[in-house]
Amino acid sequence: MGDRNDPVLVTPDGVALQETAEALEIADQSGDDFILANARLTRGGMLVERDGAESRHGFDLLAMVRQAALRQRFNISALWVHDIQIANEMLRSGDTDHAIELSRAVIDDLLDARNMIWGGVATTTLVESLLRRGADGDLQDAQAAIERLAAVPTDPGFVLHDLPLLRLLALLAHAHGDEAIYRISLDRYRARAEECGFEGHMAAADSMTDAARR
């Protein structure tokens, strides 16, 4: 259902890319490890959504942040961000087995830490990987992962879970061949994305609609 399996909230544009480049340059001159890691994390997260050399540079920046986290010089959430992006790249390249393994490990770590801020993104990668692989039991595992995300206590309207859940429910319905539920879930997903103004999710909804028409 489209090329992107990890819809971003806002599609990186030229202004955002320029601002993050300038912020990284300033941070690099500051001598503050925490500021530098934050700047690398933000810049890297944007660049991995690009293509070619920019994407590779983004992964390099995230790898630097991951190493800093391992040395306990930065927040452990940097590990999760990096590993989710790597799992996404594995899925894009067709390595579903390792994408499943890595995204499942990230979710377990998030649950153990009682910090599910990245749970929606990680669960999206896991479910899409399971659905794409389609081995025995994968549909059931995908449904269990969605139910686990839905069961995480959050404030009402927590969009970082709401949007992935709506997207994944649509994909699961499609995998089951239930086109009526798929259309209803997809419409709800698109409406919520438009309500929030999240360009990446709006583009993902449009891609799912186009794929369903083919």
N, C-alpha and C. Protein backbone atom coordinates (compact mmCIF):
# COMPACT_ATOMS: atom_id res chain seq x y z
N MET A 1 0.84 -1.20 0.00
CA MET A 1 0.00 0.00 0.00
C MET A 1 0.87 1.25 0.00
N GLY A 2 1.64 1.45 -1.08
CA GLY A 2 2.47 2.64 -1.14
C GLY A 2 3.89 2.34 -0.70
N ASP A 3 4.79 3.30 -0.91
CA ASP A 3 6.19 3.09 -0.63
C ASP A 3 6.55 3.40 0.80
N ARG A 4 5.83 4.29 1.44
CA ARG A 4 6.20 4.67 2.79
C ARG A 4 5.51 3.78 3.78
N ASN A 5 6.28 3.23 4.73
CA ASN A 5 5.69 2.45 5.80
C ASN A 5 5.77 3.18 7.13
N ASP A 6 6.36 4.36 7.13
CA ASP A 6 6.52 5.10 8.38
C ASP A 6 6.15 6.56 8.14
N PRO A 7 4.88 6.87 7.93
CA PRO A 7 4.49 8.24 7.59
C PRO A 7 4.97 9.25 8.63
N VAL A 8 5.59 10.30 8.16
CA VAL A 8 6.01 11.37 9.05
C VAL A 8 4.85 12.33 9.26
N LEU A 9 4.91 13.08 10.35
CA LEU A 9 3.82 14.01 10.63
C LEU A 9 3.81 15.16 9.63
N VAL A 10 4.98 15.71 9.37
CA VAL A 10 5.10 16.83 8.42
C VAL A 10 6.20 16.49 7.44
N THR A 11 5.92 16.60 6.16
CA THR A 11 6.91 16.30 5.14
C THR A 11 8.02 17.36 5.17
N PRO A 12 9.30 16.93 5.28
CA PRO A 12 10.39 17.90 5.33
C PRO A 12 10.44 18.75 4.05
N ASP A 13 10.43 20.08 4.23
CA ASP A 13 10.53 20.95 3.06
C ASP A 13 11.87 21.68 3.10
N GLY A 14 12.06 22.54 2.10
CA GLY A 14 13.34 23.23 2.00
C GLY A 14 13.66 24.09 3.20
N VAL A 15 12.66 24.76 3.76
CA VAL A 15 12.88 25.62 4.92
C VAL A 15 13.32 24.80 6.12
N ALA A 16 12.62 23.69 6.37
CA ALA A 16 12.96 22.84 7.51
C ALA A 16 14.36 22.25 7.35
N LEU A 17 14.69 21.84 6.14
CA LEU A 17 16.01 21.28 5.90
C LEU A 17 17.11 22.32 6.12
N GLN A 18 16.86 23.54 5.68
CA GLN A 18 17.84 24.61 5.87
C GLN A 18 18.00 24.94 7.35
N GLU A 19 16.88 25.01 8.06
CA GLU A 19 16.92 25.35 9.48
C GLU A 19 17.66 24.28 10.28
N THR A 20 17.42 23.01 9.97
CA THR A 20 18.10 21.96 10.72
C THR A 20 19.59 21.91 10.38
N ALA A 21 19.94 22.25 9.14
CA ALA A 21 21.36 22.31 8.77
C ALA A 21 22.07 23.42 9.55
N GLU A 22 21.42 24.58 9.64
CA GLU A 22 22.00 25.70 10.39
C GLU A 22 22.09 25.38 11.87
N ALA A 23 21.06 24.73 12.42
CA ALA A 23 21.06 24.37 13.84
C ALA A 23 22.19 23.38 14.13
N LEU A 24 22.41 22.44 13.22
CA LEU A 24 23.50 21.48 13.42
C LEU A 24 24.86 22.15 13.38
N GLU A 25 25.03 23.11 12.47
CA GLU A 25 26.30 23.82 12.39
C GLU A 25 26.57 24.61 13.67
N ILE A 26 25.56 25.26 14.19
CA ILE A 26 25.70 26.02 15.44
C ILE A 26 26.01 25.07 16.60
N ALA A 27 25.28 23.95 16.65
CA ALA A 27 25.48 22.98 17.73
C ALA A 27 26.89 22.39 17.69
N ASP A 28 27.40 22.17 16.48
CA ASP A 28 28.73 21.59 16.32
C ASP A 28 29.80 22.53 16.87
N GLN A 29 29.51 23.82 16.82
CA GLN A 29 30.48 24.82 17.32
C GLN A 29 30.30 25.12 18.80
N SER A 30 29.21 24.61 19.39
CA SER A 30 28.89 24.96 20.77
C SER A 30 29.74 24.22 21.80
N GLY A 31 30.22 23.03 21.43
CA GLY A 31 30.97 22.23 22.39
C GLY A 31 30.10 21.53 23.42
N ASP A 32 28.79 21.60 23.27
CA ASP A 32 27.85 20.97 24.20
C ASP A 32 27.35 19.66 23.59
N ASP A 33 27.70 18.53 24.21
CA ASP A 33 27.35 17.23 23.65
C ASP A 33 25.84 17.03 23.56
N PHE A 34 25.10 17.51 24.55
CA PHE A 34 23.66 17.32 24.56
C PHE A 34 23.00 18.09 23.41
N ILE A 35 23.41 19.35 23.23
CA ILE A 35 22.86 20.17 22.14
C ILE A 35 23.22 19.56 20.79
N LEU A 36 24.45 19.08 20.66
CA LEU A 36 24.89 18.49 19.39
C LEU A 36 24.10 17.22 19.08
N ALA A 37 23.89 16.39 20.09
CA ALA A 37 23.14 15.15 19.86
C ALA A 37 21.70 15.46 19.45
N ASN A 38 21.09 16.45 20.09
CA ASN A 38 19.73 16.84 19.72
C ASN A 38 19.67 17.32 18.27
N ALA A 39 20.65 18.13 17.89
CA ALA A 39 20.68 18.67 16.53
C ALA A 39 20.89 17.55 15.52
N ARG A 40 21.76 16.61 15.83
CA ARG A 40 21.99 15.47 14.94
C ARG A 40 20.74 14.61 14.82
N LEU A 41 20.06 14.41 15.94
CA LEU A 41 18.85 13.59 15.94
C LEU A 41 17.76 14.22 15.06
N THR A 42 17.58 15.53 15.21
CA THR A 42 16.56 16.23 14.42
C THR A 42 16.92 16.25 12.94
N ARG A 43 18.17 16.61 12.65
CA ARG A 43 18.63 16.67 11.26
C ARG A 43 18.62 15.27 10.62
N GLY A 44 19.11 14.29 11.35
CA GLY A 44 19.15 12.93 10.81
C GLY A 44 17.77 12.39 10.55
N GLY A 45 16.84 12.66 11.46
CA GLY A 45 15.48 12.18 11.27
C GLY A 45 14.82 12.75 10.04
N MET A 46 15.17 13.98 9.68
CA MET A 46 14.62 14.57 8.45
C MET A 46 15.30 14.00 7.21
N LEU A 47 16.61 13.84 7.27
CA LEU A 47 17.33 13.42 6.07
C LEU A 47 17.02 11.98 5.67
N VAL A 48 16.73 11.12 6.63
CA VAL A 48 16.43 9.74 6.25
C VAL A 48 15.15 9.63 5.44
N GLU A 49 14.31 10.68 5.49
CA GLU A 49 13.10 10.69 4.68
C GLU A 49 13.38 11.10 3.23
N ARG A 50 14.63 11.50 2.97
CA ARG A 50 15.01 11.91 1.62
C ARG A 50 15.54 10.70 0.84
N ASP A 51 16.20 10.95 -0.27
CA ASP A 51 16.72 9.87 -1.09
C ASP A 51 18.23 9.98 -1.22
N GLY A 52 18.84 8.90 -1.63
CA GLY A 52 20.24 8.90 -2.02
C GLY A 52 21.19 9.31 -0.92
N ALA A 53 22.12 10.22 -1.28
CA ALA A 53 23.17 10.64 -0.37
C ALA A 53 22.62 11.32 0.88
N GLU A 54 21.54 12.08 0.73
CA GLU A 54 20.96 12.76 1.89
C GLU A 54 20.46 11.73 2.90
N SER A 55 19.80 10.69 2.42
CA SER A 55 19.30 9.65 3.31
C SER A 55 20.46 8.95 4.02
N ARG A 56 21.50 8.62 3.29
CA ARG A 56 22.66 7.94 3.90
C ARG A 56 23.31 8.82 4.96
N HIS A 57 23.39 10.12 4.69
CA HIS A 57 23.95 11.04 5.68
C HIS A 57 23.06 11.10 6.91
N GLY A 58 21.75 11.04 6.71
CA GLY A 58 20.83 11.02 7.83
C GLY A 58 21.06 9.83 8.73
N PHE A 59 21.25 8.66 8.13
CA PHE A 59 21.52 7.46 8.93
C PHE A 59 22.86 7.58 9.65
N ASP A 60 23.84 8.21 9.01
CA ASP A 60 25.13 8.43 9.67
C ASP A 60 24.96 9.30 10.93
N LEU A 61 24.16 10.35 10.81
CA LEU A 61 23.93 11.23 11.96
C LEU A 61 23.22 10.48 13.08
N LEU A 62 22.20 9.68 12.73
CA LEU A 62 21.49 8.91 13.75
C LEU A 62 22.41 7.90 14.41
N ALA A 63 23.33 7.32 13.63
CA ALA A 63 24.27 6.36 14.20
C ALA A 63 25.19 7.05 15.23
N MET A 64 25.58 8.30 14.94
CA MET A 64 26.40 9.05 15.90
C MET A 64 25.64 9.26 17.21
N VAL A 65 24.36 9.59 17.08
CA VAL A 65 23.55 9.82 18.28
C VAL A 65 23.38 8.51 19.05
N ARG A 66 23.22 7.42 18.33
CA ARG A 66 23.07 6.12 18.99
C ARG A 66 24.33 5.78 19.79
N GLN A 67 25.49 6.03 19.20
CA GLN A 67 26.74 5.76 19.90
C GLN A 67 26.86 6.62 21.16
N ALA A 68 26.44 7.87 21.05
CA ALA A 68 26.47 8.75 22.23
C ALA A 68 25.55 8.23 23.32
N ALA A 69 24.39 7.70 22.91
CA ALA A 69 23.45 7.15 23.89
C ALA A 69 24.05 5.92 24.57
N LEU A 70 24.73 5.07 23.79
CA LEU A 70 25.36 3.88 24.35
C LEU A 70 26.44 4.25 25.35
N ARG A 71 27.09 5.38 25.12
CA ARG A 71 28.11 5.85 26.06
C ARG A 71 27.49 6.65 27.20
N GLN A 72 26.15 6.64 27.25
CA GLN A 72 25.39 7.33 28.29
C GLN A 72 25.66 8.83 28.30
N ARG A 73 25.87 9.35 27.10
CA ARG A 73 26.07 10.79 26.98
C ARG A 73 24.83 11.46 26.41
N PHE A 74 23.80 10.67 26.17
CA PHE A 74 22.57 11.23 25.61
C PHE A 74 21.41 10.33 25.97
N ASN A 75 20.21 10.85 25.83
CA ASN A 75 19.00 10.14 26.20
C ASN A 75 18.88 8.80 25.47
N ILE A 76 18.43 7.77 26.20
CA ILE A 76 18.30 6.44 25.63
C ILE A 76 17.29 6.39 24.49
N SER A 77 16.38 7.36 24.42
CA SER A 77 15.39 7.36 23.32
C SER A 77 16.07 7.46 21.96
N ALA A 78 17.29 7.98 21.92
CA ALA A 78 18.02 8.05 20.65
C ALA A 78 18.27 6.66 20.09
N LEU A 79 18.47 5.68 20.97
CA LEU A 79 18.64 4.31 20.51
C LEU A 79 17.40 3.83 19.79
N TRP A 80 16.25 4.12 20.37
CA TRP A 80 14.99 3.66 19.78
C TRP A 80 14.74 4.33 18.44
N VAL A 81 14.99 5.64 18.36
CA VAL A 81 14.79 6.36 17.10
C VAL A 81 15.66 5.75 16.00
N HIS A 82 16.92 5.53 16.32
CA HIS A 82 17.84 4.97 15.34
C HIS A 82 17.39 3.58 14.90
N ASP A 83 17.06 2.72 15.86
CA ASP A 83 16.71 1.34 15.52
C ASP A 83 15.39 1.26 14.75
N ILE A 84 14.45 2.15 15.05
CA ILE A 84 13.20 2.18 14.27
C ILE A 84 13.50 2.56 12.82
N GLN A 85 14.36 3.54 12.63
CA GLN A 85 14.70 3.95 11.26
C GLN A 85 15.42 2.82 10.52
N ILE A 86 16.29 2.09 11.22
CA ILE A 86 16.98 0.97 10.59
C ILE A 86 15.97 -0.12 10.21
N ALA A 87 15.02 -0.40 11.11
CA ALA A 87 13.98 -1.39 10.80
C ALA A 87 13.15 -0.95 9.60
N ASN A 88 12.85 0.34 9.50
CA ASN A 88 12.13 0.86 8.34
C ASN A 88 12.91 0.65 7.06
N GLU A 89 14.22 0.88 7.14
CA GLU A 89 15.06 0.70 5.95
C GLU A 89 15.10 -0.78 5.56
N MET A 90 15.15 -1.67 6.55
CA MET A 90 15.11 -3.11 6.26
C MET A 90 13.82 -3.48 5.54
N LEU A 91 12.70 -2.92 6.01
CA LEU A 91 11.41 -3.20 5.38
C LEU A 91 11.39 -2.68 3.95
N ARG A 92 11.89 -1.46 3.75
CA ARG A 92 11.91 -0.89 2.40
C ARG A 92 12.74 -1.73 1.43
N SER A 93 13.79 -2.36 1.96
CA SER A 93 14.67 -3.16 1.10
C SER A 93 14.20 -4.60 0.96
N GLY A 94 13.09 -4.95 1.65
CA GLY A 94 12.54 -6.29 1.53
C GLY A 94 13.02 -7.28 2.56
N ASP A 95 13.83 -6.83 3.52
CA ASP A 95 14.34 -7.72 4.57
C ASP A 95 13.33 -7.76 5.72
N THR A 96 12.19 -8.41 5.48
CA THR A 96 11.10 -8.38 6.45
C THR A 96 11.44 -9.13 7.74
N ASP A 97 12.19 -10.22 7.62
CA ASP A 97 12.52 -11.00 8.82
C ASP A 97 13.26 -10.15 9.84
N HIS A 98 14.30 -9.43 9.39
CA HIS A 98 15.08 -8.62 10.33
C HIS A 98 14.31 -7.36 10.76
N ALA A 99 13.47 -6.83 9.86
CA ALA A 99 12.64 -5.69 10.24
C ALA A 99 11.69 -6.07 11.38
N ILE A 100 11.11 -7.26 11.28
CA ILE A 100 10.22 -7.76 12.34
C ILE A 100 10.99 -7.93 13.64
N GLU A 101 12.14 -8.55 13.55
CA GLU A 101 12.95 -8.82 14.75
C GLU A 101 13.34 -7.52 15.46
N LEU A 102 13.82 -6.55 14.68
CA LEU A 102 14.30 -5.32 15.29
C LEU A 102 13.16 -4.46 15.81
N SER A 103 12.08 -4.31 15.04
CA SER A 103 10.97 -3.48 15.51
C SER A 103 10.30 -4.10 16.73
N ARG A 104 10.22 -5.42 16.78
CA ARG A 104 9.65 -6.09 17.95
C ARG A 104 10.52 -5.85 19.19
N ALA A 105 11.84 -5.87 19.00
CA ALA A 105 12.75 -5.61 20.13
C ALA A 105 12.59 -4.18 20.63
N VAL A 106 12.43 -3.23 19.71
CA VAL A 106 12.23 -1.83 20.11
C VAL A 106 10.95 -1.69 20.92
N ILE A 107 9.87 -2.32 20.47
CA ILE A 107 8.60 -2.23 21.19
C ILE A 107 8.73 -2.83 22.58
N ASP A 108 9.43 -3.95 22.70
CA ASP A 108 9.64 -4.56 24.01
C ASP A 108 10.40 -3.60 24.93
N ASP A 109 11.43 -2.94 24.37
CA ASP A 109 12.20 -1.98 25.17
C ASP A 109 11.33 -0.80 25.60
N LEU A 110 10.50 -0.32 24.69
CA LEU A 110 9.62 0.81 25.00
C LEU A 110 8.65 0.44 26.12
N LEU A 111 8.09 -0.75 26.03
CA LEU A 111 7.15 -1.19 27.06
C LEU A 111 7.86 -1.38 28.40
N ASP A 112 9.06 -1.96 28.37
CA ASP A 112 9.82 -2.14 29.61
C ASP A 112 10.14 -0.80 30.26
N ALA A 113 10.44 0.21 29.42
CA ALA A 113 10.78 1.54 29.93
C ALA A 113 9.53 2.37 30.25
N ARG A 114 8.34 1.83 29.92
CA ARG A 114 7.08 2.55 30.11
C ARG A 114 7.13 3.92 29.43
N ASN A 115 7.68 3.89 28.23
CA ASN A 115 7.81 5.10 27.43
C ASN A 115 7.42 4.75 26.00
N MET A 116 6.13 4.92 25.68
CA MET A 116 5.64 4.50 24.38
C MET A 116 5.49 5.66 23.41
N ILE A 117 6.30 6.72 23.58
CA ILE A 117 6.20 7.87 22.70
C ILE A 117 6.47 7.46 21.24
N TRP A 118 7.35 6.48 21.03
CA TRP A 118 7.66 6.00 19.69
C TRP A 118 6.92 4.70 19.38
N GLY A 119 5.98 4.32 20.23
CA GLY A 119 5.29 3.05 20.05
C GLY A 119 4.49 2.96 18.76
N GLY A 120 3.87 4.07 18.37
CA GLY A 120 3.08 4.06 17.14
C GLY A 120 3.94 3.82 15.91
N VAL A 121 5.10 4.45 15.86
CA VAL A 121 5.99 4.30 14.71
C VAL A 121 6.55 2.88 14.67
N ALA A 122 7.00 2.38 15.83
CA ALA A 122 7.58 1.04 15.88
C ALA A 122 6.54 -0.02 15.54
N THR A 123 5.32 0.15 16.04
CA THR A 123 4.26 -0.82 15.75
C THR A 123 3.89 -0.79 14.28
N THR A 124 3.90 0.39 13.67
CA THR A 124 3.64 0.49 12.23
C THR A 124 4.65 -0.34 11.44
N THR A 125 5.92 -0.22 11.79
CA THR A 125 6.95 -0.99 11.10
C THR A 125 6.74 -2.49 11.30
N LEU A 126 6.46 -2.88 12.55
CA LEU A 126 6.25 -4.30 12.84
C LEU A 126 5.06 -4.86 12.06
N VAL A 127 3.93 -4.16 12.11
CA VAL A 127 2.72 -4.67 11.46
C VAL A 127 2.89 -4.71 9.95
N GLU A 128 3.45 -3.66 9.36
CA GLU A 128 3.64 -3.67 7.91
C GLU A 128 4.59 -4.78 7.48
N SER A 129 5.60 -5.04 8.30
CA SER A 129 6.55 -6.11 7.98
C SER A 129 5.86 -7.47 8.04
N LEU A 130 5.05 -7.67 9.07
CA LEU A 130 4.32 -8.93 9.19
C LEU A 130 3.35 -9.13 8.03
N LEU A 131 2.63 -8.07 7.66
CA LEU A 131 1.68 -8.18 6.57
C LEU A 131 2.37 -8.42 5.24
N ARG A 132 3.51 -7.81 5.05
CA ARG A 132 4.23 -8.01 3.80
C ARG A 132 4.81 -9.42 3.71
N ARG A 133 5.32 -9.93 4.84
CA ARG A 133 5.88 -11.29 4.82
C ARG A 133 4.79 -12.33 4.61
N GLY A 134 3.70 -12.21 5.38
CA GLY A 134 2.55 -13.07 5.17
C GLY A 134 2.76 -14.54 5.46
N ALA A 135 3.65 -14.86 6.40
CA ALA A 135 3.86 -16.25 6.78
C ALA A 135 2.74 -16.71 7.71
N ASP A 136 2.72 -18.02 8.00
CA ASP A 136 1.72 -18.56 8.92
C ASP A 136 1.80 -17.83 10.26
N GLY A 137 0.67 -17.34 10.73
CA GLY A 137 0.61 -16.67 12.02
C GLY A 137 0.91 -15.19 11.98
N ASP A 138 1.36 -14.67 10.82
CA ASP A 138 1.74 -13.25 10.76
C ASP A 138 0.52 -12.33 10.89
N LEU A 139 -0.61 -12.72 10.31
CA LEU A 139 -1.81 -11.90 10.45
C LEU A 139 -2.24 -11.82 11.91
N GLN A 140 -2.17 -12.94 12.61
CA GLN A 140 -2.55 -12.95 14.02
C GLN A 140 -1.57 -12.12 14.85
N ASP A 141 -0.28 -12.21 14.52
CA ASP A 141 0.73 -11.41 15.23
C ASP A 141 0.52 -9.93 14.97
N ALA A 142 0.15 -9.58 13.73
CA ALA A 142 -0.10 -8.18 13.40
C ALA A 142 -1.28 -7.65 14.20
N GLN A 143 -2.34 -8.43 14.29
CA GLN A 143 -3.51 -8.01 15.07
C GLN A 143 -3.15 -7.86 16.54
N ALA A 144 -2.34 -8.78 17.07
CA ALA A 144 -1.93 -8.70 18.47
C ALA A 144 -1.11 -7.45 18.74
N ALA A 145 -0.25 -7.08 17.78
CA ALA A 145 0.58 -5.87 17.94
C ALA A 145 -0.30 -4.62 17.95
N ILE A 146 -1.31 -4.60 17.07
CA ILE A 146 -2.22 -3.46 17.04
C ILE A 146 -2.99 -3.36 18.35
N GLU A 147 -3.47 -4.50 18.84
CA GLU A 147 -4.23 -4.50 20.10
C GLU A 147 -3.35 -4.06 21.27
N ARG A 148 -2.08 -4.44 21.24
CA ARG A 148 -1.17 -4.04 22.31
C ARG A 148 -0.97 -2.53 22.30
N LEU A 149 -0.82 -1.94 21.11
CA LEU A 149 -0.69 -0.49 21.02
C LEU A 149 -1.96 0.20 21.50
N ALA A 150 -3.11 -0.33 21.09
CA ALA A 150 -4.39 0.27 21.48
C ALA A 150 -4.60 0.21 22.99
N ALA A 151 -4.00 -0.78 23.65
CA ALA A 151 -4.19 -0.95 25.09
C ALA A 151 -3.28 -0.06 25.93
N VAL A 152 -2.31 0.62 25.29
CA VAL A 152 -1.40 1.48 26.05
C VAL A 152 -2.18 2.70 26.58
N PRO A 153 -2.13 2.97 27.87
CA PRO A 153 -2.87 4.13 28.41
C PRO A 153 -2.28 5.44 27.88
N THR A 154 -3.14 6.28 27.32
CA THR A 154 -2.72 7.59 26.83
C THR A 154 -3.82 8.60 27.12
N ASP A 155 -3.48 9.86 26.97
CA ASP A 155 -4.51 10.89 27.06
C ASP A 155 -5.43 10.78 25.85
N PRO A 156 -6.70 11.15 26.01
CA PRO A 156 -7.63 11.11 24.87
C PRO A 156 -7.09 11.92 23.69
N GLY A 157 -7.20 11.33 22.50
CA GLY A 157 -6.77 12.04 21.30
C GLY A 157 -5.27 12.10 21.10
N PHE A 158 -4.53 11.19 21.74
CA PHE A 158 -3.07 11.18 21.59
C PHE A 158 -2.72 10.78 20.16
N VAL A 159 -2.39 11.76 19.36
CA VAL A 159 -2.31 11.59 17.91
C VAL A 159 -1.18 10.65 17.51
N LEU A 160 -0.11 10.55 18.29
CA LEU A 160 1.00 9.68 17.93
C LEU A 160 0.61 8.20 18.00
N HIS A 161 -0.50 7.91 18.67
CA HIS A 161 -1.06 6.56 18.63
C HIS A 161 -2.30 6.50 17.76
N ASP A 162 -3.13 7.53 17.81
CA ASP A 162 -4.39 7.52 17.06
C ASP A 162 -4.17 7.30 15.56
N LEU A 163 -3.27 8.07 14.97
CA LEU A 163 -3.05 7.98 13.53
C LEU A 163 -2.48 6.62 13.11
N PRO A 164 -1.43 6.13 13.78
CA PRO A 164 -0.95 4.79 13.41
C PRO A 164 -2.02 3.72 13.58
N LEU A 165 -2.81 3.80 14.63
CA LEU A 165 -3.85 2.79 14.85
C LEU A 165 -4.87 2.79 13.71
N LEU A 166 -5.31 3.97 13.30
CA LEU A 166 -6.27 4.06 12.21
C LEU A 166 -5.68 3.51 10.91
N ARG A 167 -4.45 3.84 10.66
CA ARG A 167 -3.76 3.33 9.45
C ARG A 167 -3.64 1.81 9.50
N LEU A 168 -3.21 1.29 10.65
CA LEU A 168 -2.96 -0.14 10.75
C LEU A 168 -4.25 -0.96 10.73
N LEU A 169 -5.31 -0.42 11.30
CA LEU A 169 -6.60 -1.11 11.23
C LEU A 169 -7.08 -1.22 9.79
N ALA A 170 -6.82 -0.18 9.00
CA ALA A 170 -7.18 -0.23 7.58
C ALA A 170 -6.35 -1.29 6.86
N LEU A 171 -5.06 -1.32 7.11
CA LEU A 171 -4.19 -2.29 6.45
C LEU A 171 -4.55 -3.72 6.84
N LEU A 172 -4.90 -3.92 8.11
CA LEU A 172 -5.27 -5.26 8.56
C LEU A 172 -6.57 -5.71 7.89
N ALA A 173 -7.53 -4.79 7.78
CA ALA A 173 -8.78 -5.13 7.11
C ALA A 173 -8.52 -5.51 5.66
N HIS A 174 -7.63 -4.77 5.00
CA HIS A 174 -7.29 -5.08 3.62
C HIS A 174 -6.65 -6.46 3.52
N ALA A 175 -5.78 -6.78 4.47
CA ALA A 175 -5.11 -8.09 4.46
C ALA A 175 -6.11 -9.23 4.66
N HIS A 176 -7.17 -8.96 5.40
CA HIS A 176 -8.22 -9.95 5.63
C HIS A 176 -9.22 -10.00 4.47
N GLY A 177 -9.08 -9.08 3.52
CA GLY A 177 -9.99 -9.04 2.39
C GLY A 177 -11.33 -8.39 2.70
N ASP A 178 -11.39 -7.64 3.79
CA ASP A 178 -12.63 -6.96 4.19
C ASP A 178 -12.60 -5.53 3.65
N GLU A 179 -13.01 -5.37 2.41
CA GLU A 179 -12.88 -4.08 1.75
C GLU A 179 -13.81 -3.02 2.34
N ALA A 180 -14.96 -3.44 2.87
CA ALA A 180 -15.88 -2.46 3.47
C ALA A 180 -15.25 -1.81 4.69
N ILE A 181 -14.70 -2.64 5.59
CA ILE A 181 -14.03 -2.10 6.78
C ILE A 181 -12.78 -1.33 6.38
N TYR A 182 -12.10 -1.81 5.35
CA TYR A 182 -10.91 -1.10 4.87
C TYR A 182 -11.26 0.32 4.45
N ARG A 183 -12.30 0.49 3.68
CA ARG A 183 -12.69 1.82 3.20
C ARG A 183 -13.09 2.72 4.37
N ILE A 184 -13.85 2.17 5.31
CA ILE A 184 -14.28 2.96 6.47
C ILE A 184 -13.06 3.40 7.29
N SER A 185 -12.15 2.46 7.54
CA SER A 185 -10.96 2.77 8.34
C SER A 185 -10.07 3.77 7.62
N LEU A 186 -9.93 3.61 6.31
CA LEU A 186 -9.10 4.53 5.52
C LEU A 186 -9.69 5.93 5.53
N ASP A 187 -10.99 6.05 5.41
CA ASP A 187 -11.65 7.36 5.46
C ASP A 187 -11.42 8.03 6.82
N ARG A 188 -11.52 7.24 7.88
CA ARG A 188 -11.28 7.79 9.23
C ARG A 188 -9.83 8.23 9.39
N TYR A 189 -8.93 7.44 8.83
CA TYR A 189 -7.50 7.77 8.89
C TYR A 189 -7.22 9.08 8.16
N ARG A 190 -7.74 9.20 6.95
CA ARG A 190 -7.51 10.42 6.18
C ARG A 190 -8.12 11.64 6.87
N ALA A 191 -9.32 11.49 7.39
CA ALA A 191 -10.00 12.61 8.06
C ALA A 191 -9.21 13.07 9.28
N ARG A 192 -8.69 12.13 10.05
CA ARG A 192 -7.91 12.49 11.25
C ARG A 192 -6.60 13.17 10.86
N ALA A 193 -5.96 12.67 9.81
CA ALA A 193 -4.71 13.27 9.35
C ALA A 193 -4.95 14.70 8.87
N GLU A 194 -6.05 14.91 8.13
CA GLU A 194 -6.36 16.26 7.64
C GLU A 194 -6.72 17.18 8.80
N GLU A 195 -7.43 16.66 9.79
CA GLU A 195 -7.79 17.45 10.96
C GLU A 195 -6.55 17.95 11.69
N CYS A 196 -5.53 17.09 11.75
CA CYS A 196 -4.29 17.46 12.45
C CYS A 196 -3.32 18.22 11.55
N GLY A 197 -3.55 18.18 10.23
CA GLY A 197 -2.65 18.86 9.31
C GLY A 197 -1.33 18.16 9.12
N PHE A 198 -1.30 16.84 9.29
CA PHE A 198 -0.06 16.08 9.19
C PHE A 198 0.13 15.58 7.76
N GLU A 199 1.02 16.24 7.05
CA GLU A 199 1.18 16.01 5.63
C GLU A 199 1.61 14.59 5.29
N GLY A 200 2.53 14.05 6.09
CA GLY A 200 3.02 12.70 5.82
C GLY A 200 1.91 11.67 5.88
N HIS A 201 1.03 11.79 6.87
CA HIS A 201 -0.07 10.85 7.00
C HIS A 201 -1.12 11.09 5.92
N MET A 202 -1.33 12.34 5.54
CA MET A 202 -2.27 12.61 4.43
C MET A 202 -1.76 11.97 3.14
N ALA A 203 -0.46 12.07 2.90
CA ALA A 203 0.12 11.46 1.70
C ALA A 203 0.01 9.94 1.77
N ALA A 204 0.20 9.37 2.96
CA ALA A 204 0.09 7.92 3.12
C ALA A 204 -1.34 7.46 2.84
N ALA A 205 -2.32 8.21 3.31
CA ALA A 205 -3.72 7.87 3.06
C ALA A 205 -4.03 7.93 1.57
N ASP A 206 -3.51 8.95 0.90
CA ASP A 206 -3.74 9.08 -0.55
C ASP A 206 -3.09 7.90 -1.29
N SER A 207 -1.90 7.50 -0.84
CA SER A 207 -1.22 6.38 -1.48
C SER A 207 -2.00 5.09 -1.30
N MET A 208 -2.55 4.89 -0.12
CA MET A 208 -3.37 3.68 0.13
C MET A 208 -4.62 3.69 -0.75
N THR A 209 -5.22 4.85 -0.93
CA THR A 209 -6.40 4.96 -1.79
C THR A 209 -6.05 4.65 -3.24
N ASP A 210 -4.94 5.21 -3.72
CA ASP A 210 -4.51 4.95 -5.10
C ASP A 210 -4.21 3.48 -5.32
N ALA A 211 -3.55 2.85 -4.34
CA ALA A 211 -3.19 1.43 -4.48
C ALA A 211 -4.45 0.56 -4.51
N ALA A 212 -5.46 0.94 -3.74
CA ALA A 212 -6.68 0.16 -3.68
C ALA A 212 -7.45 0.24 -5.00
N ARG A 213 -7.27 1.33 -5.74
CA ARG A 213 -7.98 1.51 -7.01
C ARG A 213 -7.37 0.72 -8.15
N ARG A 214 -6.10 0.32 -7.97
CA ARG A 214 -5.41 -0.38 -9.07
C ARG A 214 -5.80 -1.84 -9.13
